[in-house]
Amino acid sequence: MSAREREIRKQARSAKLIAIMAGKSSRNRSLSDKICRFLVNRATAVKPEDDFMRDPLIDNDVGFDPDELDRFQRGEK
């Protein structure tokens, strides 16, 4: 058995395990279901620095204070 065949078999086993874990994580009946859900969430979570949907204005809490927002809504400068 060549190294390539071993790698393909390893990937196939991994894909089967992922499918089983995803199926178990959709249920919420036992402790193993909850563990599978935790592992799937952890494996599929996006790192904050790689998340393109995050907004730096919100993360840095740069925004309007209530008085400034009120003046803006009234059209004052």
Protein backbone atom coordinates (compact mmCIF):
# COMPACT_ATOMS: atom_id res chain seq x y z
CA MET A 1 0.00 0.00 0.00
CA SER A 2 1.49 3.30 -1.05
CA ALA A 3 1.52 6.47 0.98
CA ARG A 4 -1.08 8.00 -1.36
CA GLU A 5 -3.51 5.11 -0.75
CA ARG A 6 -3.07 5.46 3.00
CA GLU A 7 -3.77 9.18 2.78
CA ILE A 8 -6.93 8.57 0.73
CA ARG A 9 -8.17 5.97 3.22
CA LYS A 10 -7.43 8.35 6.09
CA GLN A 11 -9.42 11.11 4.37
CA ALA A 12 -12.33 8.71 3.72
CA ARG A 13 -12.44 7.64 7.38
CA SER A 14 -12.27 11.27 8.44
CA ALA A 15 -15.17 12.19 6.14
CA LYS A 16 -17.29 9.33 7.52
CA LEU A 17 -16.52 10.39 11.09
CA ILE A 18 -17.43 14.00 10.30
CA ALA A 19 -20.76 12.90 8.79
CA ILE A 20 -21.56 10.78 11.85
CA MET A 21 -20.63 13.61 14.23
CA ALA A 22 -22.72 16.11 12.28
CA GLY A 23 -25.72 13.78 12.46
CA LYS A 24 -25.28 13.23 16.19
CA SER A 25 -24.80 16.93 16.87
CA SER A 26 -28.19 17.73 15.32
CA ARG A 27 -29.86 15.73 18.09
CA ASN A 28 -29.75 16.77 21.71
CA ARG A 29 -30.64 13.62 23.58
CA SER A 30 -27.47 12.38 25.21
CA LEU A 31 -24.12 13.53 26.45
CA SER A 32 -22.37 12.21 23.34
CA ASP A 33 -24.71 14.35 21.18
CA LYS A 34 -23.72 17.42 23.18
CA ILE A 35 -20.03 16.55 22.91
CA CYS A 36 -20.37 16.10 19.14
CA ARG A 37 -22.13 19.46 18.90
CA PHE A 38 -19.30 21.11 20.85
CA LEU A 39 -16.65 19.52 18.61
CA VAL A 40 -18.46 20.43 15.38
CA ASN A 41 -18.95 24.04 16.55
CA ARG A 42 -15.32 24.27 17.54
CA ALA A 43 -14.11 22.83 14.22
CA THR A 44 -16.31 25.09 12.09
CA ALA A 45 -15.87 28.33 14.04
CA VAL A 46 -14.19 31.19 12.20
CA LYS A 47 -11.30 32.91 13.89
CA PRO A 48 -12.14 36.55 14.73
CA GLU A 49 -9.23 37.85 12.68
CA ASP A 50 -10.41 35.87 9.62
CA ASP A 51 -14.09 36.86 9.93
CA PHE A 52 -14.83 39.35 7.17
CA MET A 53 -18.31 40.07 8.57
CA ARG A 54 -17.02 41.71 11.75
CA ASP A 55 -17.27 45.47 11.92
CA PRO A 56 -14.34 47.31 13.52
CA LEU A 57 -16.60 50.21 14.54
CA ILE A 58 -18.71 47.84 16.62
CA ASP A 59 -15.75 45.87 17.96
CA ASN A 60 -13.95 49.03 19.07
CA ASP A 61 -17.18 50.51 20.42
CA VAL A 62 -16.86 53.61 18.26
CA GLY A 63 -20.32 55.04 17.92
CA PHE A 64 -22.71 57.75 18.91
CA ASP A 65 -23.38 58.78 22.46
CA PRO A 66 -27.09 59.41 23.17
CA ASP A 67 -26.83 63.22 22.95
CA GLU A 68 -24.90 63.09 19.71
CA LEU A 69 -27.41 60.65 18.22
CA ASP A 70 -30.31 62.89 19.26
CA ARG A 71 -28.68 65.93 17.63
CA PHE A 72 -28.01 63.92 14.47
CA GLN A 73 -31.63 62.73 14.24
CA ARG A 74 -32.86 66.34 14.62
CA GLY A 75 -30.53 67.49 11.84
CA GLU A 76 -28.32 69.67 14.02
CA LYS A 77 -24.59 69.87 13.62
